Amino acid sequence: MGAKSEMQPRSRMKLQRCFISAQSGEASAALAQAFADRGVESFRADDFVPGLPLTPELLHQLEAADFMCALVNDGGVAPNILFELGAAHVLRKPIILFTTNYDRLLGALQGVYVVRANIEDLPSAATEIDRFLRHAKTLPPLGETTADRRQKPNLSWAKEELAALRGERAPNRGTRFERLVSEIFRRAGAEVVREDQPEKAWTVDAIVWLDDVAHEIGGPIIIECKYYGGGPGDLLANAKQTVRQLEKYVKGSEARVALVVYDHDKSTPPPSLFETPQVLVFTVDQLILALERGTLANEILQHRRRASYARVSAGGPD
């Protein structure tokens, strides 16, 4: 996504074996080579010995794999790929999916890291592949959330810094707020990437990979930080404009969701702001509390359901 990382990847168990699902031997070989270049062994359905019962061996190889990689062409999803995707999902394997048929698949695949690329585009998708390999890990068993398994961060320092920031009226307050939000995510264990694309007319403040969220939505989240002033009407209008801009940005990126993280000058909380299933809105206080509790992934899903319901109730996009 054309970004420069501000932190070093955290150490974790190396992914060693990939199950590849594709509709052609040529595509499977290209994917296998891309992972071999990164020290990952691949198993392909093409490698089955003729006459060997397909399903038991396939399930055995999927169970032995650390993750699954699939490629879906423009012509649609082959039945065998659907079966293998479903089996990998049941086995709680991380999944990376390469496709140019992005829009149709996006709404139906939860917890899959979707990369808009085909075989010819694999070299340009190197950053996305590397990011997936750095972070992907087996999901917790069904019924157990990632919040049950991870140490929750202490963000009391962030509350103190936020209180001090609110007491100032410095001209660089917006920039300092962006840095504070980025540091909050870092202290919560996220990889934070700052966009550095001056040729673009509009860029976002950060791209964040947080394992809990990636497990649920299949990839990184885009972050836009805003420090709003003015009356409630100004806040609502400005926030809606930001959401619309971000919605366009998400459609052109590999991210599945964007968050507007904002603060305001009022002594009382503002009303709920406009959001869509692709762009959600959190106050910085809500963000801090969710990260401390380990519930951000669940709250993102709740916001998405609420935004989807509101859109359907209103008869579609406004």
Protein backbone atom coordinates (compact mmCIF):
# COMPACT_ATOMS: atom_id res chain seq x y z
CA MET A 1 0.00 0.00 0.00
CA GLY A 2 2.97 2.25 -0.62
CA ALA A 3 3.82 2.90 3.01
CA LYS A 4 7.01 3.10 5.00
CA SER A 5 7.15 1.21 8.28
CA GLU A 6 8.10 3.07 11.44
CA MET A 7 8.80 -0.01 13.52
CA GLN A 8 10.60 -3.31 13.24
CA PRO A 9 8.51 -6.50 12.90
CA ARG A 10 7.97 -8.34 16.16
CA SER A 11 9.53 -11.77 16.48
CA ARG A 12 7.18 -14.75 16.28
CA MET A 13 7.11 -18.32 15.11
CA LYS A 14 8.08 -18.57 11.45
CA LEU A 15 5.43 -19.85 9.05
CA GLN A 16 6.92 -22.87 7.31
CA ARG A 17 4.23 -24.61 5.25
CA CYS A 18 1.52 -23.31 2.96
CA PHE A 19 -1.39 -25.09 1.30
CA ILE A 20 -2.02 -23.57 -2.14
CA SER A 21 -5.40 -23.63 -3.86
CA ALA A 22 -5.65 -22.39 -7.44
CA GLN A 23 -7.44 -23.34 -10.64
CA SER A 24 -4.36 -24.03 -12.77
CA GLY A 25 -1.00 -25.69 -12.31
CA GLU A 26 0.75 -22.60 -13.67
CA ALA A 27 -0.88 -20.38 -11.06
CA SER A 28 -0.08 -22.86 -8.29
CA ALA A 29 3.57 -22.98 -9.37
CA ALA A 30 3.84 -19.17 -9.41
CA LEU A 31 2.39 -18.92 -5.91
CA ALA A 32 4.65 -21.71 -4.67
CA GLN A 33 7.70 -19.88 -6.04
CA ALA A 34 6.67 -16.62 -4.37
CA PHE A 35 6.56 -18.37 -1.00
CA ALA A 36 9.68 -20.47 -1.69
CA ASP A 37 11.57 -17.20 -2.20
CA ARG A 38 10.57 -16.39 1.40
CA GLY A 39 11.60 -19.75 2.83
CA VAL A 40 8.10 -21.24 2.95
CA GLU A 41 7.40 -24.78 1.74
CA SER A 42 4.21 -25.20 -0.27
CA PHE A 43 1.87 -28.11 -0.84
CA ARG A 44 -0.35 -27.99 -3.93
CA ALA A 45 -3.37 -30.03 -4.91
CA ASP A 46 -1.46 -30.72 -8.15
CA ASP A 47 0.97 -32.79 -6.06
CA PHE A 48 -1.56 -35.48 -5.24
CA VAL A 49 -0.52 -38.93 -6.36
CA PRO A 50 -2.92 -40.21 -9.07
CA GLY A 51 -5.49 -42.56 -7.61
CA LEU A 52 -5.05 -41.32 -4.04
CA PRO A 53 -8.37 -40.52 -2.30
CA LEU A 54 -8.64 -36.75 -2.64
CA THR A 55 -10.56 -35.55 0.39
CA PRO A 56 -8.75 -37.39 3.24
CA GLU A 57 -5.31 -36.44 1.91
CA LEU A 58 -6.37 -32.87 1.21
CA LEU A 59 -7.69 -32.44 4.75
CA HIS A 60 -4.52 -34.00 6.15
CA GLN A 61 -2.35 -31.54 4.23
CA LEU A 62 -4.53 -28.60 5.20
CA GLU A 63 -4.31 -29.60 8.84
CA ALA A 64 -0.52 -29.86 8.61
CA ALA A 65 -0.17 -26.46 6.89
CA ASP A 66 0.55 -23.27 8.83
CA PHE A 67 -1.66 -21.25 6.49
CA MET A 68 -3.54 -21.36 3.18
CA CYS A 69 -3.09 -19.31 0.02
CA ALA A 70 -5.78 -19.22 -2.66
CA LEU A 71 -6.11 -17.55 -6.04
CA VAL A 72 -9.47 -16.78 -7.63
CA ASN A 73 -9.66 -15.72 -11.27
CA ASP A 74 -12.17 -13.33 -12.82
CA GLY A 75 -14.19 -16.27 -14.13
CA GLY A 76 -15.53 -17.17 -10.69
CA VAL A 77 -14.70 -19.46 -7.81
CA ALA A 78 -14.16 -23.12 -8.69
CA PRO A 79 -15.98 -25.63 -6.44
CA ASN A 80 -12.71 -27.19 -5.23
CA ILE A 81 -11.41 -23.78 -4.10
CA LEU A 82 -14.65 -23.08 -2.22
CA PHE A 83 -14.33 -26.47 -0.51
CA GLU A 84 -10.69 -25.85 0.42
CA LEU A 85 -11.41 -22.33 1.69
CA GLY A 86 -14.22 -23.70 3.85
CA ALA A 87 -12.03 -26.50 5.19
CA ALA A 88 -9.22 -24.08 6.03
CA HIS A 89 -11.71 -21.82 7.81
CA VAL A 90 -13.04 -24.69 9.92
CA LEU A 91 -9.45 -25.65 10.79
CA ARG A 92 -8.87 -22.00 11.86
CA LYS A 93 -5.97 -21.53 9.44
CA PRO A 94 -4.85 -18.04 8.37
CA ILE A 95 -5.85 -17.45 4.74
CA ILE A 96 -4.43 -15.07 2.15
CA LEU A 97 -6.49 -14.74 -1.03
CA PHE A 98 -5.29 -13.21 -4.29
CA THR A 99 -8.09 -12.09 -6.58
CA THR A 100 -9.12 -9.40 -9.04
CA ASN A 101 -12.77 -10.30 -8.36
CA TYR A 102 -12.52 -8.26 -5.17
CA ASP A 103 -15.89 -6.56 -4.74
CA ARG A 104 -18.04 -9.65 -5.10
CA LEU A 105 -15.98 -11.70 -2.68
CA LEU A 106 -15.30 -9.06 -0.08
CA GLY A 107 -18.60 -9.16 1.76
CA ALA A 108 -18.69 -12.94 2.10
CA LEU A 109 -15.18 -13.67 3.38
CA GLN A 110 -14.63 -12.76 7.01
CA GLY A 111 -11.15 -13.21 8.44
CA VAL A 112 -9.47 -13.66 5.04
CA TYR A 113 -6.65 -11.34 3.99
CA VAL A 114 -7.70 -10.33 0.48
CA VAL A 115 -5.05 -8.92 -1.88
CA ARG A 116 -6.15 -7.45 -5.18
CA ALA A 117 -3.65 -9.11 -7.50
CA ASN A 118 -3.36 -11.91 -10.03
CA ILE A 119 -0.35 -14.04 -10.93
CA GLU A 120 1.18 -11.32 -13.11
CA ASP A 121 0.88 -8.84 -10.21
CA LEU A 122 2.64 -10.96 -7.58
CA PRO A 123 5.88 -8.92 -7.61
CA SER A 124 3.93 -5.74 -6.85
CA ALA A 125 2.14 -7.53 -3.99
CA ALA A 126 5.40 -8.33 -2.19
CA THR A 127 4.69 -5.90 0.67
CA GLU A 128 1.29 -7.48 1.32
CA ILE A 129 2.74 -11.02 1.26
CA ASP A 130 5.52 -10.05 3.67
CA ARG A 131 3.07 -8.33 6.02
CA PHE A 132 0.83 -11.40 6.08
CA LEU A 133 3.78 -13.70 6.80
CA ARG A 134 4.93 -11.47 9.66
CA HIS A 135 1.60 -11.54 11.43
CA ALA A 136 -0.51 -14.53 10.38
CA LYS A 137 -1.07 -17.16 13.03
CA THR A 138 -3.64 -19.83 13.77
CA LEU A 139 -6.89 -18.45 15.15
CA PRO A 140 -8.05 -19.38 18.65
CA PRO A 141 -10.53 -22.26 18.91
CA LEU A 142 -14.18 -21.47 18.24
CA GLY A 143 -15.78 -19.96 21.30
CA GLU A 144 -12.52 -18.47 22.54
CA THR A 145 -11.65 -14.87 21.67
CA THR A 146 -8.18 -13.47 21.14
CA ALA A 147 -8.88 -11.20 24.11
CA ASP A 148 -8.86 -14.32 26.29
CA ARG A 149 -5.29 -15.16 25.24
CA ARG A 150 -3.37 -11.89 25.15
CA GLN A 151 -2.01 -9.60 27.81
CA LYS A 152 -3.98 -6.38 27.86
CA PRO A 153 -1.98 -3.13 27.64
CA ASN A 154 -1.85 -0.49 30.35
CA LEU A 155 -2.71 2.78 28.62
CA SER A 156 -2.97 5.04 31.67
CA TRP A 157 -0.09 7.09 30.24
CA ALA A 158 -2.22 7.81 27.13
CA LYS A 159 -5.07 9.17 29.27
CA GLU A 160 -2.62 11.53 30.98
CA GLU A 161 -1.17 12.74 27.68
CA LEU A 162 -4.65 13.18 26.25
CA ALA A 163 -5.71 15.27 29.25
CA ALA A 164 -2.65 17.50 28.80
CA LEU A 165 -3.32 17.83 25.08
CA ARG A 166 -6.90 18.86 25.72
CA GLY A 167 -5.70 21.64 27.98
CA GLU A 168 -3.60 23.24 25.23
CA ARG A 169 -4.50 25.28 22.19
CA ALA A 170 -1.23 24.89 20.30
CA PRO A 171 -1.38 25.10 16.47
CA ASN A 172 0.22 21.66 16.12
CA ARG A 173 -2.36 19.93 18.31
CA GLY A 174 -3.72 17.90 15.39
CA THR A 175 -0.28 16.50 14.54
CA ARG A 176 0.38 15.66 18.19
CA PHE A 177 -2.96 13.91 18.38
CA GLU A 178 -2.03 11.76 15.36
CA ARG A 179 1.25 10.78 17.03
CA LEU A 180 -0.54 9.95 20.27
CA VAL A 181 -3.03 7.65 18.50
CA SER A 182 -0.20 5.91 16.62
CA GLU A 183 1.67 5.34 19.87
CA ILE A 184 -1.47 3.99 21.55
CA PHE A 185 -1.72 1.34 18.84
CA ARG A 186 2.00 0.52 19.12
CA ARG A 187 1.79 0.06 22.88
CA ALA A 188 -1.18 -2.26 22.28
CA GLY A 189 1.07 -4.49 20.16
CA ALA A 190 0.22 -3.25 16.66
CA GLU A 191 2.44 -2.63 13.67
CA VAL A 192 1.90 1.00 12.69
CA VAL A 193 2.77 2.19 9.19
CA ARG A 194 2.69 5.83 8.20
CA GLU A 195 1.71 6.64 4.62
CA ASP A 196 4.34 8.54 2.65
CA GLN A 197 2.85 9.29 -0.76
CA PRO A 198 3.09 13.04 -1.39
CA GLU A 199 1.99 12.58 -4.99
CA LYS A 200 -1.50 11.58 -3.82
CA ALA A 201 -4.17 14.23 -3.44
CA TRP A 202 -5.33 12.72 -0.15
CA THR A 203 -3.65 10.20 2.15
CA VAL A 204 -4.48 8.70 5.52
CA ASP A 205 -2.63 9.11 8.79
CA ALA A 206 -1.66 5.48 9.40
CA ILE A 207 -2.18 1.85 8.49
CA VAL A 208 -2.35 -0.50 11.48
CA TRP A 209 -2.01 -4.26 11.69
CA LEU A 210 -3.39 -5.43 15.05
CA ASP A 211 -3.63 -9.20 15.37
CA ASP A 212 -7.01 -9.26 17.12
CA VAL A 213 -8.61 -7.18 14.39
CA ALA A 214 -6.79 -8.91 11.53
CA HIS A 215 -8.16 -12.25 12.77
CA GLU A 216 -11.69 -10.96 12.36
CA ILE A 217 -11.53 -8.76 9.25
CA GLY A 218 -8.63 -10.31 7.36
CA GLY A 219 -6.05 -7.55 7.24
CA PRO A 220 -4.92 -4.09 8.32
CA ILE A 221 -7.08 -1.14 9.29
CA ILE A 222 -6.73 2.39 7.96
CA ILE A 223 -6.59 5.10 10.62
CA GLU A 224 -7.58 8.75 10.19
CA CYS A 225 -7.19 11.03 13.23
CA LYS A 226 -9.30 14.16 13.67
CA TYR A 227 -9.42 16.83 16.37
CA TYR A 228 -12.79 18.53 15.89
CA GLY A 229 -13.91 21.96 17.09
CA GLY A 230 -17.05 24.01 16.60
CA GLY A 231 -20.64 23.21 17.37
CA PRO A 232 -22.41 19.84 17.04
CA GLY A 233 -23.57 20.70 13.52
CA ASP A 234 -20.00 21.42 12.40
CA LEU A 235 -18.76 18.21 14.00
CA LEU A 236 -21.42 16.11 12.28
CA ALA A 237 -20.81 17.70 8.87
CA ASN A 238 -17.01 17.44 9.09
CA ALA A 239 -17.13 13.84 10.30
CA LYS A 240 -19.48 12.82 7.48
CA GLN A 241 -17.15 14.36 4.90
CA THR A 242 -14.19 12.46 6.41
CA VAL A 243 -16.12 9.18 6.31
CA ARG A 244 -17.01 9.67 2.64
CA GLN A 245 -13.38 10.42 1.73
CA LEU A 246 -12.16 7.36 3.62
CA GLU A 247 -14.79 5.15 1.99
CA LYS A 248 -13.27 5.95 -1.41
CA TYR A 249 -9.79 5.33 -0.05
CA VAL A 250 -10.70 1.90 1.36
CA LYS A 251 -12.06 0.78 -2.00
CA GLY A 252 -8.65 1.46 -3.58
CA SER A 253 -6.61 -0.28 -0.87
CA GLU A 254 -6.07 -3.77 0.53
CA ALA A 255 -7.60 -2.78 3.89
CA ARG A 256 -11.02 -4.06 4.85
CA VAL A 257 -12.06 -1.26 7.19
CA ALA A 258 -11.05 2.26 8.24
CA LEU A 259 -11.42 3.98 11.59
CA VAL A 260 -11.89 7.68 12.21
CA VAL A 261 -10.40 8.25 15.67
CA TYR A 262 -11.38 11.68 16.92
CA ASP A 263 -11.41 14.01 19.88
CA HIS A 264 -13.37 17.24 20.37
CA ASP A 265 -13.43 20.51 22.30
CA LYS A 266 -16.76 19.99 24.05
CA SER A 267 -17.18 19.10 27.73
CA THR A 268 -19.95 16.62 26.88
CA PRO A 269 -19.66 13.77 24.37
CA PRO A 270 -21.03 14.54 20.90
CA PRO A 271 -23.87 12.51 19.40
CA SER A 272 -23.16 9.31 17.49
CA LEU A 273 -21.56 10.19 14.19
CA PHE A 274 -22.31 8.96 10.70
CA GLU A 275 -20.46 5.77 9.72
CA THR A 276 -20.65 3.09 7.04
CA PRO A 277 -19.76 -0.64 7.08
CA GLN A 278 -16.37 0.29 5.59
CA VAL A 279 -15.62 3.37 7.73
CA LEU A 280 -16.28 3.38 11.47
CA VAL A 281 -16.02 6.19 14.00
CA PHE A 282 -14.49 5.96 17.50
CA THR A 283 -13.70 8.64 20.04
CA VAL A 284 -10.15 8.33 21.31
CA ASP A 285 -11.57 7.45 24.75
CA GLN A 286 -13.54 4.56 23.21
CA LEU A 287 -10.39 3.36 21.44
CA ILE A 288 -8.28 3.42 24.61
CA LEU A 289 -10.93 1.57 26.61
CA ALA A 290 -11.41 -1.09 23.91
CA LEU A 291 -7.67 -1.72 23.63
CA GLU A 292 -7.28 -1.96 27.41
CA ARG A 293 -10.12 -4.48 27.58
CA GLY A 294 -8.97 -6.39 24.50
CA THR A 295 -12.36 -5.91 22.85
CA LEU A 296 -11.55 -3.69 19.86
CA ALA A 297 -12.14 -6.47 17.31
CA ASN A 298 -15.58 -7.22 18.75
CA GLU A 299 -16.49 -3.54 18.90
CA ILE A 300 -15.46 -3.04 15.28
CA LEU A 301 -17.77 -5.90 14.28
CA GLN A 302 -20.58 -4.37 16.35
CA HIS A 303 -20.08 -0.99 14.67
CA ARG A 304 -20.15 -2.66 11.25
CA ARG A 305 -23.39 -4.48 12.02
CA ARG A 306 -24.93 -1.26 13.30
CA ALA A 307 -23.84 0.67 10.19
CA SER A 308 -25.10 -2.09 7.89
CA TYR A 309 -28.47 -2.15 9.66
CA ALA A 310 -28.76 1.63 9.45
CA ARG A 311 -27.98 1.56 5.74
CA VAL A 312 -30.54 -1.16 5.02
CA SER A 313 -33.17 0.61 7.14
CA ALA A 314 -32.55 3.81 5.22
CA GLY A 315 -32.97 2.03 1.89
CA GLY A 316 -29.30 1.98 0.84
CA PRO A 317 -26.45 4.49 0.63
CA ASP A 318 -27.45 8.09 1.18
